[in-house]
N, C-alpha and C. Protein backbone atom coordinates (compact mmCIF):
# COMPACT_ATOMS: atom_id res chain seq x y z
N UNK A 1 19.36 -44.90 -73.73
CA UNK A 1 19.67 -44.06 -72.58
C UNK A 1 21.19 -43.99 -72.42
N UNK A 2 21.68 -42.79 -72.22
CA UNK A 2 23.11 -42.61 -71.99
C UNK A 2 23.32 -41.68 -70.81
N UNK A 3 24.32 -41.99 -70.01
CA UNK A 3 24.73 -41.13 -68.92
C UNK A 3 26.17 -40.71 -69.15
N UNK A 4 26.41 -39.43 -69.10
CA UNK A 4 27.74 -38.90 -69.32
C UNK A 4 28.21 -38.21 -68.05
N UNK A 5 29.23 -38.78 -67.43
CA UNK A 5 29.78 -38.23 -66.19
C UNK A 5 31.05 -37.45 -66.48
N UNK A 6 31.28 -36.44 -65.66
CA UNK A 6 32.48 -35.63 -65.80
C UNK A 6 32.85 -35.04 -64.45
N UNK A 7 34.06 -34.50 -64.38
CA UNK A 7 34.46 -33.76 -63.19
C UNK A 7 35.47 -34.44 -62.30
N UNK A 8 35.84 -35.66 -62.60
CA UNK A 8 36.83 -36.33 -61.77
C UNK A 8 38.20 -35.72 -61.96
N UNK A 9 39.15 -36.18 -61.15
CA UNK A 9 40.50 -35.67 -61.27
C UNK A 9 41.33 -35.98 -60.06
N UNK A 10 42.46 -35.31 -59.99
CA UNK A 10 43.39 -35.48 -58.88
C UNK A 10 43.33 -34.25 -57.98
N UNK A 11 43.21 -34.49 -56.69
CA UNK A 11 43.10 -33.39 -55.74
C UNK A 11 43.82 -33.78 -54.46
N UNK A 12 44.32 -32.81 -53.76
CA UNK A 12 44.95 -33.07 -52.48
C UNK A 12 43.91 -33.28 -51.39
N UNK A 13 44.30 -34.01 -50.38
CA UNK A 13 43.40 -34.22 -49.24
C UNK A 13 42.97 -32.86 -48.68
N UNK A 14 41.69 -32.77 -48.37
CA UNK A 14 41.12 -31.52 -47.88
C UNK A 14 40.52 -30.67 -48.98
N UNK A 15 40.78 -31.03 -50.21
CA UNK A 15 40.28 -30.27 -51.33
C UNK A 15 38.87 -30.66 -51.72
N UNK A 16 38.42 -30.09 -52.84
CA UNK A 16 37.05 -30.31 -53.31
C UNK A 16 37.03 -30.67 -54.79
N UNK A 17 36.01 -31.41 -55.16
CA UNK A 17 35.72 -31.71 -56.56
C UNK A 17 34.21 -31.73 -56.73
N UNK A 18 33.79 -31.45 -57.93
CA UNK A 18 32.36 -31.53 -58.24
C UNK A 18 32.19 -32.45 -59.44
N UNK A 19 31.42 -33.49 -59.26
CA UNK A 19 31.10 -34.41 -60.34
C UNK A 19 29.74 -34.06 -60.92
N UNK A 20 29.62 -34.23 -62.22
CA UNK A 20 28.35 -33.98 -62.89
C UNK A 20 28.00 -35.17 -63.78
N UNK A 21 26.72 -35.39 -63.93
CA UNK A 21 26.25 -36.49 -64.77
C UNK A 21 24.99 -36.04 -65.49
N UNK A 22 24.98 -36.21 -66.79
CA UNK A 22 23.83 -35.82 -67.60
C UNK A 22 23.23 -37.06 -68.26
N UNK A 23 21.93 -37.19 -68.12
CA UNK A 23 21.22 -38.32 -68.73
C UNK A 23 20.54 -37.87 -70.01
N UNK A 24 20.61 -38.71 -71.01
CA UNK A 24 19.92 -38.42 -72.27
C UNK A 24 19.18 -39.67 -72.73
N UNK A 25 18.17 -39.44 -73.55
CA UNK A 25 17.41 -40.57 -74.06
C UNK A 25 16.25 -40.99 -73.18
N UNK A 26 15.98 -40.21 -72.14
CA UNK A 26 14.84 -40.47 -71.26
C UNK A 26 13.85 -39.34 -71.46
N UNK A 27 12.66 -39.68 -71.89
CA UNK A 27 11.70 -38.64 -72.27
C UNK A 27 10.91 -38.10 -71.09
N UNK A 28 10.85 -38.83 -70.00
CA UNK A 28 10.04 -38.40 -68.87
C UNK A 28 10.96 -38.13 -67.68
N UNK A 29 10.38 -37.69 -66.57
CA UNK A 29 11.17 -37.39 -65.38
C UNK A 29 11.76 -38.68 -64.80
N UNK A 30 12.81 -38.52 -64.04
CA UNK A 30 13.55 -39.65 -63.49
C UNK A 30 13.31 -39.75 -62.00
N UNK A 31 12.96 -40.93 -61.54
CA UNK A 31 12.69 -41.11 -60.13
C UNK A 31 13.96 -41.03 -59.28
N UNK A 32 14.94 -41.85 -59.60
CA UNK A 32 16.11 -42.00 -58.74
C UNK A 32 17.38 -41.64 -59.52
N UNK A 33 18.20 -40.83 -58.91
CA UNK A 33 19.51 -40.49 -59.48
C UNK A 33 20.53 -40.54 -58.35
N UNK A 34 21.71 -41.03 -58.64
CA UNK A 34 22.69 -41.13 -57.57
C UNK A 34 24.07 -41.47 -58.05
N UNK A 35 24.91 -41.74 -57.07
CA UNK A 35 26.32 -42.03 -57.32
C UNK A 35 26.78 -43.22 -56.49
N UNK A 36 27.51 -44.10 -57.12
CA UNK A 36 28.25 -45.16 -56.47
C UNK A 36 29.73 -44.87 -56.67
N UNK A 37 30.54 -45.57 -55.92
CA UNK A 37 31.98 -45.51 -56.17
C UNK A 37 32.59 -46.89 -55.92
N UNK A 38 33.74 -47.10 -56.54
CA UNK A 38 34.45 -48.35 -56.36
C UNK A 38 35.93 -48.06 -56.19
N UNK A 39 36.44 -48.41 -55.03
CA UNK A 39 37.86 -48.26 -54.75
C UNK A 39 38.58 -49.52 -55.21
N UNK A 40 39.87 -49.41 -55.48
CA UNK A 40 40.63 -50.58 -55.92
C UNK A 40 40.53 -51.73 -54.93
N UNK A 41 40.15 -52.89 -55.43
CA UNK A 41 40.05 -54.07 -54.59
C UNK A 41 38.83 -54.14 -53.70
N UNK A 42 37.91 -53.20 -53.87
CA UNK A 42 36.72 -53.17 -53.03
C UNK A 42 35.46 -53.24 -53.88
N UNK A 43 34.37 -53.56 -53.21
CA UNK A 43 33.09 -53.62 -53.91
C UNK A 43 32.56 -52.22 -54.16
N UNK A 44 31.72 -52.12 -55.16
CA UNK A 44 31.06 -50.85 -55.44
C UNK A 44 30.14 -50.51 -54.28
N UNK A 45 30.17 -49.26 -53.83
CA UNK A 45 29.34 -48.84 -52.71
C UNK A 45 28.55 -47.58 -53.07
N UNK A 46 27.36 -47.50 -52.49
CA UNK A 46 26.52 -46.34 -52.70
C UNK A 46 27.10 -45.15 -51.94
N UNK A 47 27.22 -44.03 -52.64
CA UNK A 47 27.73 -42.80 -52.03
C UNK A 47 26.57 -41.87 -51.66
N UNK A 48 25.71 -41.60 -52.62
CA UNK A 48 24.61 -40.68 -52.40
C UNK A 48 23.51 -40.97 -53.40
N UNK A 49 22.27 -40.73 -52.97
CA UNK A 49 21.14 -40.99 -53.84
C UNK A 49 20.08 -39.93 -53.61
N UNK A 50 19.45 -39.54 -54.68
CA UNK A 50 18.32 -38.61 -54.64
C UNK A 50 17.12 -39.33 -55.20
N UNK A 51 16.11 -39.49 -54.35
CA UNK A 51 14.91 -40.25 -54.73
C UNK A 51 13.71 -39.35 -54.48
N UNK A 52 13.24 -38.71 -55.53
CA UNK A 52 12.17 -37.75 -55.35
C UNK A 52 12.66 -36.60 -54.50
N UNK A 53 12.02 -36.35 -53.39
CA UNK A 53 12.41 -35.25 -52.54
C UNK A 53 13.39 -35.61 -51.44
N UNK A 54 13.81 -36.85 -51.38
CA UNK A 54 14.70 -37.26 -50.30
C UNK A 54 16.10 -37.58 -50.81
N UNK A 55 17.06 -37.39 -49.93
CA UNK A 55 18.45 -37.73 -50.25
C UNK A 55 19.02 -38.59 -49.13
N UNK A 56 19.93 -39.45 -49.51
CA UNK A 56 20.61 -40.29 -48.53
C UNK A 56 22.09 -40.40 -48.89
N UNK A 57 22.89 -40.54 -47.87
CA UNK A 57 24.33 -40.58 -48.04
C UNK A 57 24.94 -41.76 -47.27
N UNK A 58 26.05 -42.22 -47.79
CA UNK A 58 26.84 -43.17 -47.02
C UNK A 58 27.35 -42.45 -45.77
N UNK A 59 27.44 -43.17 -44.67
CA UNK A 59 27.90 -42.56 -43.43
C UNK A 59 29.27 -41.92 -43.61
N UNK A 60 30.10 -42.51 -44.43
CA UNK A 60 31.47 -42.04 -44.59
C UNK A 60 31.57 -40.68 -45.29
N UNK A 61 30.49 -40.25 -45.95
CA UNK A 61 30.55 -38.98 -46.67
C UNK A 61 29.59 -37.94 -46.13
N UNK A 62 28.78 -38.30 -45.15
CA UNK A 62 27.82 -37.35 -44.60
C UNK A 62 28.54 -36.12 -44.06
N UNK A 63 27.98 -34.96 -44.39
CA UNK A 63 28.58 -33.71 -43.95
C UNK A 63 29.67 -33.20 -44.86
N UNK A 64 30.11 -34.03 -45.79
CA UNK A 64 31.17 -33.60 -46.72
C UNK A 64 30.69 -33.57 -48.17
N UNK A 65 29.81 -34.47 -48.52
CA UNK A 65 29.31 -34.55 -49.90
C UNK A 65 27.86 -34.07 -49.95
N UNK A 66 27.52 -33.46 -51.09
CA UNK A 66 26.14 -33.02 -51.30
C UNK A 66 25.70 -33.41 -52.70
N UNK A 67 24.59 -34.10 -52.78
CA UNK A 67 24.02 -34.45 -54.08
C UNK A 67 22.93 -33.46 -54.44
N UNK A 68 22.90 -33.08 -55.70
CA UNK A 68 21.87 -32.18 -56.18
C UNK A 68 21.47 -32.61 -57.60
N UNK A 69 20.27 -32.23 -57.98
CA UNK A 69 19.80 -32.64 -59.29
C UNK A 69 18.99 -31.52 -59.93
N UNK A 70 18.97 -31.55 -61.23
CA UNK A 70 18.14 -30.63 -62.01
C UNK A 70 17.21 -31.51 -62.83
N UNK A 71 15.97 -31.58 -62.43
CA UNK A 71 15.04 -32.49 -63.10
C UNK A 71 14.76 -32.10 -64.54
N UNK A 72 14.73 -30.81 -64.80
CA UNK A 72 14.45 -30.36 -66.16
C UNK A 72 15.61 -30.74 -67.10
N UNK A 73 16.82 -30.60 -66.61
CA UNK A 73 17.99 -30.93 -67.43
C UNK A 73 18.39 -32.39 -67.32
N UNK A 74 17.80 -33.11 -66.38
CA UNK A 74 18.12 -34.51 -66.13
C UNK A 74 19.61 -34.67 -65.80
N UNK A 75 20.05 -33.84 -64.87
CA UNK A 75 21.43 -33.92 -64.43
C UNK A 75 21.47 -34.16 -62.92
N UNK A 76 22.55 -34.78 -62.49
CA UNK A 76 22.78 -34.98 -61.07
C UNK A 76 24.25 -34.67 -60.79
N UNK A 77 24.48 -33.87 -59.77
CA UNK A 77 25.82 -33.46 -59.40
C UNK A 77 26.17 -34.01 -58.02
N UNK A 78 27.45 -34.11 -57.78
CA UNK A 78 27.95 -34.52 -56.47
C UNK A 78 29.07 -33.56 -56.08
N UNK A 79 28.79 -32.70 -55.12
CA UNK A 79 29.80 -31.79 -54.60
C UNK A 79 30.54 -32.49 -53.47
N UNK A 80 31.83 -32.63 -53.62
CA UNK A 80 32.64 -33.36 -52.65
C UNK A 80 33.64 -32.40 -52.01
N UNK A 81 33.49 -32.19 -50.73
CA UNK A 81 34.38 -31.31 -49.97
C UNK A 81 35.16 -32.10 -48.94
N UNK A 82 36.20 -31.50 -48.43
CA UNK A 82 37.03 -32.13 -47.40
C UNK A 82 37.41 -33.55 -47.79
N UNK A 83 37.88 -33.69 -49.00
CA UNK A 83 38.17 -35.01 -49.52
C UNK A 83 39.30 -35.69 -48.75
N UNK A 84 39.15 -37.00 -48.63
CA UNK A 84 40.13 -37.82 -47.93
C UNK A 84 40.70 -38.86 -48.91
N UNK A 85 41.83 -39.42 -48.55
CA UNK A 85 42.45 -40.41 -49.43
C UNK A 85 41.52 -41.61 -49.64
N UNK A 86 40.72 -41.91 -48.64
CA UNK A 86 39.81 -43.05 -48.77
C UNK A 86 38.63 -42.78 -49.70
N UNK A 87 38.51 -41.55 -50.17
CA UNK A 87 37.48 -41.24 -51.17
C UNK A 87 37.96 -41.58 -52.59
N UNK A 88 39.20 -41.97 -52.70
CA UNK A 88 39.73 -42.33 -54.02
C UNK A 88 38.98 -43.51 -54.61
N UNK A 89 38.68 -43.42 -55.88
CA UNK A 89 38.00 -44.50 -56.57
C UNK A 89 37.38 -44.02 -57.87
N UNK A 90 36.71 -44.93 -58.52
CA UNK A 90 35.95 -44.59 -59.72
C UNK A 90 34.51 -44.34 -59.31
N UNK A 91 34.00 -43.21 -59.69
CA UNK A 91 32.65 -42.81 -59.32
C UNK A 91 31.72 -43.00 -60.52
N UNK A 92 30.62 -43.66 -60.25
CA UNK A 92 29.63 -43.98 -61.28
C UNK A 92 28.31 -43.32 -60.94
N UNK A 93 27.76 -42.58 -61.87
CA UNK A 93 26.40 -42.10 -61.69
C UNK A 93 25.42 -43.16 -62.21
N UNK A 94 24.22 -43.10 -61.69
CA UNK A 94 23.21 -44.05 -62.13
C UNK A 94 21.83 -43.41 -62.03
N UNK A 95 20.91 -43.94 -62.80
CA UNK A 95 19.52 -43.49 -62.72
C UNK A 95 18.60 -44.71 -62.77
N UNK A 96 17.50 -44.60 -62.11
CA UNK A 96 16.40 -45.55 -62.20
C UNK A 96 15.19 -44.73 -62.62
N UNK A 97 14.84 -44.79 -63.90
CA UNK A 97 13.79 -43.90 -64.38
C UNK A 97 12.45 -44.06 -63.64
N UNK A 98 12.06 -45.29 -63.42
CA UNK A 98 10.80 -45.56 -62.72
C UNK A 98 11.03 -46.73 -61.77
N UNK A 99 10.27 -46.76 -60.69
CA UNK A 99 10.38 -47.87 -59.75
C UNK A 99 10.18 -49.19 -60.49
N UNK A 100 11.11 -50.09 -60.33
CA UNK A 100 11.03 -51.38 -60.98
C UNK A 100 11.69 -51.45 -62.33
N UNK A 101 12.09 -50.30 -62.87
CA UNK A 101 12.77 -50.33 -64.17
C UNK A 101 14.26 -50.64 -63.96
N UNK A 102 14.94 -50.87 -65.03
CA UNK A 102 16.35 -51.22 -64.90
C UNK A 102 17.18 -50.02 -64.49
N UNK A 103 18.39 -50.30 -64.05
CA UNK A 103 19.33 -49.26 -63.68
C UNK A 103 20.22 -48.94 -64.87
N UNK A 104 20.43 -47.67 -65.10
CA UNK A 104 21.36 -47.23 -66.14
C UNK A 104 22.58 -46.61 -65.47
N UNK A 105 23.76 -46.92 -66.01
CA UNK A 105 25.02 -46.49 -65.42
C UNK A 105 25.79 -45.57 -66.35
N UNK A 106 26.48 -44.62 -65.73
CA UNK A 106 27.44 -43.83 -66.47
C UNK A 106 28.75 -44.60 -66.62
N UNK A 107 29.69 -44.01 -67.33
CA UNK A 107 30.91 -44.71 -67.67
C UNK A 107 31.94 -44.69 -66.55
N UNK A 108 31.73 -43.92 -65.53
CA UNK A 108 32.69 -43.84 -64.44
C UNK A 108 33.69 -42.73 -64.65
N UNK A 109 34.02 -42.05 -63.57
CA UNK A 109 35.02 -41.00 -63.61
C UNK A 109 35.95 -41.17 -62.41
N UNK A 110 37.24 -41.08 -62.66
CA UNK A 110 38.23 -41.35 -61.63
C UNK A 110 38.41 -40.15 -60.71
N UNK A 111 38.38 -40.42 -59.41
CA UNK A 111 38.71 -39.43 -58.39
C UNK A 111 39.90 -39.96 -57.61
N UNK A 112 40.95 -39.17 -57.57
CA UNK A 112 42.14 -39.56 -56.82
C UNK A 112 42.48 -38.46 -55.82
N UNK A 113 42.54 -38.84 -54.56
CA UNK A 113 42.84 -37.89 -53.50
C UNK A 113 44.21 -38.25 -52.93
N UNK A 114 45.13 -37.33 -53.06
CA UNK A 114 46.48 -37.58 -52.56
C UNK A 114 46.63 -37.06 -51.14
N UNK A 115 47.30 -37.83 -50.32
CA UNK A 115 47.46 -37.44 -48.92
C UNK A 115 48.78 -36.68 -48.70
């Protein structure tokens, strides 16, 4: 199983970025897809998750970020609007193919928001 993330970069505060993540090597549908992030000196935190028909967001990104997925293509995107400097960090996509199975991680993509 491989996850390939893309879309990070440098953006000014108030701007937008869209992250994408494509999973390969999984023959069946994926239960859980989502994004974590890790800021310098901080623990990795959950940003957004799509679990079947439901989505959940960290309080800090609600109303600004939107997670979406394409089950046929096995991709998950994260649209990030109204970015703030505190959104800076490395963003990791992840999938949990089935409940109880292991978690697979993407390689991480850097997001830097300048104030």
